Amino acid sequence: QVQLVESGGGLVQAGGSLRLSCLASGRTSSRYSKGWFRQAPGKEREFVAALSWSGGSTYYADSVKGRFTISRDNARNTVYLQMDSLKPEDTGVYYCAEGPPGSYDYWGQGTQVTVSS
């Protein structure tokens, strides 16, 4: 089993920044793809960003491209999501996930991000 714990969420004004962290423990693997998702109130969970297991490829939702950056530190079993130029529409619960390429088998409990206008 893999346990994922997100941290770094909070309340920030529009235009501000936050960095989310996701610490993995248990039977995690450096060969897992890593991803971030979010769910706004009343909406379905949506993809935000992903990082291939090698770290060589990154993927972003169009809505966050140029503002968010996903990265990983394999030595610390941690994945980060740097969020800059935040907008009120970025508000939601942010989840990290990981798994073999093409599959997100493990999910964290989520961290709340609130962006005020």
C-alpha atoms as a PDB file:
ATOM      1  CA  GLN A   1       0.000   0.000   0.000  1.00  0.00           C
ATOM      2  CA  VAL A   2       0.991   3.609  -0.586  1.00  0.00           C
ATOM      3  CA  GLN A   3       0.041   6.505   1.642  1.00  0.00           C
ATOM      4  CA  LEU A   4      -0.001  10.049   0.288  1.00  0.00           C
ATOM      5  CA  VAL A   5      -0.257  13.135   2.481  1.00  0.00           C
ATOM      6  CA  GLU A   6      -0.727  16.589   0.993  1.00  0.00           C
ATOM      7  CA  SER A   7       0.199  19.822   2.727  1.00  0.00           C
ATOM      8  CA  GLY A   8       0.679  23.481   1.914  1.00  0.00           C
ATOM      9  CA  GLY A   9      -2.872  24.526   1.174  1.00  0.00           C
ATOM     10  CA  GLY A  10      -4.406  27.662   2.621  1.00  0.00           C
ATOM     11  CA  LEU A  11      -5.996  31.008   1.941  1.00  0.00           C
ATOM     12  CA  VAL A  12      -4.276  33.386  -0.452  1.00  0.00           C
ATOM     13  CA  GLN A  13      -5.228  36.513  -2.327  1.00  0.00           C
ATOM     14  CA  ALA A  14      -5.549  36.521  -6.096  1.00  0.00           C
ATOM     15  CA  GLY A  15      -2.142  36.915  -7.693  1.00  0.00           C
ATOM     16  CA  GLY A  16      -0.420  35.159  -4.823  1.00  0.00           C
ATOM     17  CA  SER A  17       1.449  31.880  -4.660  1.00  0.00           C
ATOM     18  CA  LEU A  18       1.323  28.596  -2.798  1.00  0.00           C
ATOM     19  CA  ARG A  19       3.426  25.466  -2.924  1.00  0.00           C
ATOM     20  CA  LEU A  20       1.735  22.173  -2.274  1.00  0.00           C
ATOM     21  CA  SER A  21       3.675  19.117  -1.172  1.00  0.00           C
ATOM     22  CA  CYS A  22       2.742  15.458  -1.334  1.00  0.00           C
ATOM     23  CA  LEU A  23       4.730  13.042   0.789  1.00  0.00           C
ATOM     24  CA  ALA A  24       4.553   9.389  -0.188  1.00  0.00           C
ATOM     25  CA  SER A  25       5.207   6.500   2.162  1.00  0.00           C
ATOM     26  CA  GLY A  26       4.768   2.754   2.112  1.00  0.00           C
ATOM     27  CA  ARG A  27       5.283   0.833  -1.096  1.00  0.00           C
ATOM     28  CA  THR A  28       5.786   3.851  -3.294  1.00  0.00           C
ATOM     29  CA  SER A  29       8.038   3.685  -6.312  1.00  0.00           C
ATOM     30  CA  SER A  30      10.219   6.128  -8.167  1.00  0.00           C
ATOM     31  CA  ARG A  31       8.785   4.511 -11.310  1.00  0.00           C
ATOM     32  CA  TYR A  32       5.295   5.763 -10.562  1.00  0.00           C
ATOM     33  CA  SER A  33       3.795   8.660 -12.447  1.00  0.00           C
ATOM     34  CA  LYS A  34       2.728  11.508 -10.185  1.00  0.00           C
ATOM     35  CA  GLY A  35      -0.228  13.794 -10.593  1.00  0.00           C
ATOM     36  CA  TRP A  36      -2.226  16.598  -9.051  1.00  0.00           C
ATOM     37  CA  PHE A  37      -5.991  16.944  -9.351  1.00  0.00           C
ATOM     38  CA  ARG A  38      -8.492  19.366  -7.883  1.00  0.00           C
ATOM     39  CA  GLN A  39     -12.173  19.543  -7.118  1.00  0.00           C
ATOM     40  CA  ALA A  40     -14.066  22.790  -6.822  1.00  0.00           C
ATOM     41  CA  PRO A  41     -17.356  22.979  -4.884  1.00  0.00           C
ATOM     42  CA  GLY A  42     -20.163  21.467  -6.941  1.00  0.00           C
ATOM     43  CA  LYS A  43     -17.834  20.314  -9.687  1.00  0.00           C
ATOM     44  CA  GLU A  44     -16.171  17.083 -10.677  1.00  0.00           C
ATOM     45  CA  ARG A  45     -12.563  16.343  -9.920  1.00  0.00           C
ATOM     46  CA  GLU A  46     -10.296  17.553 -12.705  1.00  0.00           C
ATOM     47  CA  PHE A  47      -6.735  17.010 -13.811  1.00  0.00           C
ATOM     48  CA  VAL A  48      -4.223  19.741 -12.991  1.00  0.00           C
ATOM     49  CA  ALA A  49      -0.701  18.478 -13.663  1.00  0.00           C
ATOM     50  CA  ALA A  50       1.315  15.299 -14.048  1.00  0.00           C
ATOM     51  CA  LEU A  51       4.901  14.186 -14.112  1.00  0.00           C
ATOM     52  CA  SER A  52       6.223  11.072 -15.767  1.00  0.00           C
ATOM     53  CA  TRP A  53       8.061   8.551 -13.621  1.00  0.00           C
ATOM     54  CA  SER A  54      11.381   9.603 -15.159  1.00  0.00           C
ATOM     55  CA  GLY A  55      10.635  13.248 -14.530  1.00  0.00           C
ATOM     56  CA  GLY A  56      11.333  13.947 -18.167  1.00  0.00           C
ATOM     57  CA  SER A  57       7.805  14.834 -19.171  1.00  0.00           C
ATOM     58  CA  THR A  58       5.285  17.158 -17.602  1.00  0.00           C
ATOM     59  CA  TYR A  59       1.650  17.723 -18.474  1.00  0.00           C
ATOM     60  CA  TYR A  60      -0.656  20.558 -17.478  1.00  0.00           C
ATOM     61  CA  ALA A  61      -4.280  21.474 -17.835  1.00  0.00           C
ATOM     62  CA  ASP A  62      -4.702  24.437 -20.157  1.00  0.00           C
ATOM     63  CA  SER A  63      -6.163  26.457 -17.298  1.00  0.00           C
ATOM     64  CA  VAL A  64      -2.926  26.306 -15.286  1.00  0.00           C
ATOM     65  CA  LYS A  65      -0.279  26.240 -18.000  1.00  0.00           C
ATOM     66  CA  GLY A  66       2.357  28.895 -17.416  1.00  0.00           C
ATOM     67  CA  ARG A  67       1.277  29.411 -13.802  1.00  0.00           C
ATOM     68  CA  PHE A  68       1.745  26.022 -12.113  1.00  0.00           C
ATOM     69  CA  THR A  69       4.850  23.835 -12.009  1.00  0.00           C
ATOM     70  CA  ILE A  70       5.001  20.207 -10.935  1.00  0.00           C
ATOM     71  CA  SER A  71       8.243  18.710  -9.706  1.00  0.00           C
ATOM     72  CA  ARG A  72       9.476  15.778  -7.658  1.00  0.00           C
ATOM     73  CA  ASP A  73      12.240  14.945  -5.230  1.00  0.00           C
ATOM     74  CA  ASN A  74      12.699  11.188  -5.314  1.00  0.00           C
ATOM     75  CA  ALA A  75      15.111  11.237  -2.401  1.00  0.00           C
ATOM     76  CA  ARG A  76      12.394  12.768  -0.239  1.00  0.00           C
ATOM     77  CA  ASN A  77       9.512  10.811  -1.835  1.00  0.00           C
ATOM     78  CA  THR A  78       7.831  14.160  -2.337  1.00  0.00           C
ATOM     79  CA  VAL A  79       6.016  15.777  -5.226  1.00  0.00           C
ATOM     80  CA  TYR A  80       5.440  19.507  -5.352  1.00  0.00           C
ATOM     81  CA  LEU A  81       2.998  21.789  -7.087  1.00  0.00           C
ATOM     82  CA  GLN A  82       4.182  25.382  -7.262  1.00  0.00           C
ATOM     83  CA  MET A  83       1.183  27.598  -7.954  1.00  0.00           C
ATOM     84  CA  ASP A  84       1.769  31.188  -8.997  1.00  0.00           C
ATOM     85  CA  SER A  85      -0.543  33.965 -10.177  1.00  0.00           C
ATOM     86  CA  LEU A  86      -3.417  32.253  -8.441  1.00  0.00           C
ATOM     87  CA  LYS A  87      -6.967  33.082  -9.456  1.00  0.00           C
ATOM     88  CA  PRO A  88     -10.256  32.675  -7.578  1.00  0.00           C
ATOM     89  CA  GLU A  89     -11.189  29.893 -10.005  1.00  0.00           C
ATOM     90  CA  ASP A  90      -8.214  27.885  -8.704  1.00  0.00           C
ATOM     91  CA  THR A  91     -10.097  27.420  -5.437  1.00  0.00           C
ATOM     92  CA  GLY A  92     -10.752  23.827  -4.511  1.00  0.00           C
ATOM     93  CA  VAL A  93      -9.465  20.741  -2.783  1.00  0.00           C
ATOM     94  CA  TYR A  94      -6.195  19.603  -4.308  1.00  0.00           C
ATOM     95  CA  TYR A  95      -5.311  15.916  -4.390  1.00  0.00           C
ATOM     96  CA  CYS A  96      -2.091  14.202  -5.275  1.00  0.00           C
ATOM     97  CA  ALA A  97      -2.099  10.776  -6.863  1.00  0.00           C
ATOM     98  CA  GLU A  98       0.386   8.248  -8.145  1.00  0.00           C
ATOM     99  CA  GLY A  99       0.602   4.908  -9.820  1.00  0.00           C
ATOM    100  CA  PRO A 100       2.038   2.959 -12.718  1.00  0.00           C
ATOM    101  CA  PRO A 101       2.080   4.908 -15.996  1.00  0.00           C
ATOM    102  CA  GLY A 102      -1.488   5.324 -17.207  1.00  0.00           C
ATOM    103  CA  SER A 103      -3.076   4.580 -13.862  1.00  0.00           C
ATOM    104  CA  TYR A 104      -3.515   6.568 -10.654  1.00  0.00           C
ATOM    105  CA  ASP A 105      -4.003   3.874  -8.055  1.00  0.00           C
ATOM    106  CA  TYR A 106      -3.234   5.830  -4.920  1.00  0.00           C
ATOM    107  CA  TRP A 107      -4.726   9.121  -3.715  1.00  0.00           C
ATOM    108  CA  GLY A 108      -4.165  11.513  -0.841  1.00  0.00           C
ATOM    109  CA  GLN A 109      -6.875  12.986   1.354  1.00  0.00           C
ATOM    110  CA  GLY A 110      -6.612  16.435  -0.196  1.00  0.00           C
ATOM    111  CA  THR A 111      -5.662  19.919   0.912  1.00  0.00           C
ATOM    112  CA  GLN A 112      -7.879  22.994   0.629  1.00  0.00           C
ATOM    113  CA  VAL A 113      -6.780  25.944  -1.477  1.00  0.00           C
ATOM    114  CA  THR A 114      -8.866  29.102  -1.319  1.00  0.00           C
ATOM    115  CA  VAL A 115      -8.069  32.112  -3.490  1.00  0.00           C
ATOM    116  CA  SER A 116      -9.855  35.331  -2.569  1.00  0.00           C
ATOM    117  CA  SER A 117     -10.548  38.082  -5.073  1.00  0.00           C
END
